[in-house]
């Protein structure tokens, strides 16, 4: 499955990528995130940080 090859958020473990199509974002299986200091962090975790 594609979800298993995506990077994971270093904080919550969710699958992340820098661009998520609206349909995928709606399903909630993959979150939008950023690559910061050599780790991936989802947008939700950056807001809670």
N, C-alpha and C. Protein backbone atom coordinates (compact mmCIF):
# COMPACT_ATOMS: atom_id res chain seq x y z
N UNK A 1 0.84 -1.18 0.00
CA UNK A 1 0.00 0.00 0.00
C UNK A 1 0.89 1.25 0.00
N UNK A 2 0.46 2.29 -0.66
CA UNK A 2 1.23 3.52 -0.77
C UNK A 2 1.49 4.13 0.59
N UNK A 3 0.54 4.06 1.47
CA UNK A 3 0.66 4.66 2.80
C UNK A 3 1.91 4.15 3.54
N UNK A 4 2.30 2.91 3.30
CA UNK A 4 3.43 2.33 4.02
C UNK A 4 4.79 2.84 3.54
N UNK A 5 4.85 3.42 2.35
CA UNK A 5 6.14 3.91 1.85
C UNK A 5 6.33 5.41 2.10
N UNK A 6 5.30 6.06 2.60
CA UNK A 6 5.41 7.48 2.90
C UNK A 6 6.15 7.69 4.21
N UNK A 7 6.83 8.84 4.36
CA UNK A 7 7.48 9.13 5.64
C UNK A 7 6.46 9.30 6.75
N UNK A 8 6.89 9.16 7.98
CA UNK A 8 6.02 9.30 9.15
C UNK A 8 6.37 10.57 9.93
N UNK A 9 5.34 11.15 10.52
CA UNK A 9 5.55 12.30 11.41
C UNK A 9 6.38 11.84 12.60
N UNK A 10 7.41 12.58 12.92
CA UNK A 10 8.31 12.21 14.02
C UNK A 10 7.62 12.30 15.38
N UNK A 11 6.53 13.05 15.47
CA UNK A 11 5.84 13.24 16.75
C UNK A 11 4.69 12.25 16.93
N UNK A 12 3.77 12.21 15.94
CA UNK A 12 2.56 11.38 16.11
C UNK A 12 2.58 10.08 15.30
N UNK A 13 3.51 9.95 14.36
CA UNK A 13 3.61 8.71 13.59
C UNK A 13 2.69 8.63 12.38
N UNK A 14 1.95 9.69 12.08
CA UNK A 14 1.05 9.69 10.92
C UNK A 14 1.86 9.75 9.63
N UNK A 15 1.34 9.15 8.57
CA UNK A 15 1.96 9.26 7.26
C UNK A 15 1.84 10.69 6.78
N UNK A 16 2.94 11.25 6.26
CA UNK A 16 2.95 12.64 5.83
C UNK A 16 3.58 12.81 4.46
N UNK A 17 3.25 13.89 3.81
CA UNK A 17 3.87 14.31 2.57
C UNK A 17 3.71 15.82 2.45
N UNK A 18 4.48 16.42 1.57
CA UNK A 18 4.42 17.88 1.47
C UNK A 18 3.24 18.38 0.64
N UNK A 19 2.57 17.50 -0.10
CA UNK A 19 1.42 17.88 -0.89
C UNK A 19 0.38 16.78 -0.83
N UNK A 20 -0.80 17.10 -0.34
CA UNK A 20 -1.88 16.11 -0.22
C UNK A 20 -3.07 16.59 -1.03
N UNK A 21 -3.55 15.73 -1.91
CA UNK A 21 -4.73 16.06 -2.70
C UNK A 21 -5.94 16.21 -1.78
N UNK A 22 -6.86 17.10 -2.10
CA UNK A 22 -8.03 17.33 -1.23
C UNK A 22 -8.82 16.06 -0.88
N UNK A 23 -8.96 15.15 -1.85
CA UNK A 23 -9.70 13.91 -1.59
C UNK A 23 -8.99 13.04 -0.55
N UNK A 24 -7.67 12.99 -0.63
CA UNK A 24 -6.88 12.19 0.31
C UNK A 24 -6.91 12.85 1.69
N UNK A 25 -6.79 14.17 1.72
CA UNK A 25 -6.81 14.91 2.97
C UNK A 25 -8.14 14.69 3.69
N UNK A 26 -9.23 14.65 2.93
CA UNK A 26 -10.57 14.45 3.49
C UNK A 26 -10.67 13.09 4.17
N UNK A 27 -10.04 12.06 3.60
CA UNK A 27 -10.06 10.72 4.18
C UNK A 27 -9.23 10.64 5.46
N UNK A 28 -8.23 11.50 5.59
CA UNK A 28 -7.43 11.55 6.80
C UNK A 28 -6.36 10.49 6.94
N UNK A 29 -6.09 9.74 5.88
CA UNK A 29 -5.09 8.68 5.95
C UNK A 29 -3.67 9.22 5.82
N UNK A 30 -3.53 10.33 5.11
CA UNK A 30 -2.23 10.97 4.91
C UNK A 30 -2.38 12.43 5.28
N UNK A 31 -1.45 12.92 6.06
CA UNK A 31 -1.49 14.33 6.48
C UNK A 31 -0.45 15.13 5.73
N UNK A 32 -0.73 16.40 5.59
CA UNK A 32 0.24 17.31 5.00
C UNK A 32 1.28 17.64 6.07
N UNK A 33 2.54 17.74 5.65
CA UNK A 33 3.58 18.03 6.62
C UNK A 33 4.77 18.73 6.01
N UNK A 34 5.78 18.95 6.83
CA UNK A 34 7.00 19.64 6.41
C UNK A 34 8.20 18.85 6.89
N UNK A 35 9.28 18.95 6.11
CA UNK A 35 10.55 18.33 6.47
C UNK A 35 11.37 19.39 7.19
N UNK A 36 11.49 19.26 8.50
CA UNK A 36 12.15 20.26 9.33
C UNK A 36 13.27 19.61 10.13
N UNK A 37 14.47 20.15 10.04
CA UNK A 37 15.62 19.63 10.81
C UNK A 37 15.79 18.12 10.64
N UNK A 38 15.71 17.65 9.40
CA UNK A 38 15.94 16.25 9.04
C UNK A 38 14.86 15.28 9.53
N UNK A 39 13.70 15.77 9.91
CA UNK A 39 12.57 14.91 10.28
C UNK A 39 11.28 15.46 9.69
N UNK A 40 10.31 14.60 9.46
CA UNK A 40 9.00 15.01 8.98
C UNK A 40 8.10 15.32 10.16
N UNK A 41 7.37 16.42 10.07
CA UNK A 41 6.41 16.81 11.11
C UNK A 41 5.11 17.18 10.39
N UNK A 42 3.98 16.59 10.83
CA UNK A 42 2.71 16.93 10.20
C UNK A 42 2.27 18.32 10.65
N UNK A 43 1.42 18.93 9.86
CA UNK A 43 0.94 20.28 10.13
C UNK A 43 0.25 20.35 11.50
N UNK A 44 -0.52 19.31 11.84
CA UNK A 44 -1.20 19.31 13.14
C UNK A 44 -0.21 19.40 14.29
N UNK A 45 0.88 18.65 14.20
CA UNK A 45 1.88 18.66 15.28
C UNK A 45 2.66 19.98 15.32
N UNK A 46 2.88 20.60 14.15
CA UNK A 46 3.57 21.89 14.18
C UNK A 46 2.69 22.95 14.84
N UNK A 47 1.39 22.84 14.69
CA UNK A 47 0.47 23.79 15.33
C UNK A 47 0.43 23.58 16.85
N UNK A 48 0.58 22.34 17.29
CA UNK A 48 0.51 22.00 18.71
C UNK A 48 1.86 22.16 19.42
N UNK A 49 2.89 22.42 18.68
CA UNK A 49 4.24 22.50 19.24
C UNK A 49 4.48 23.78 19.97
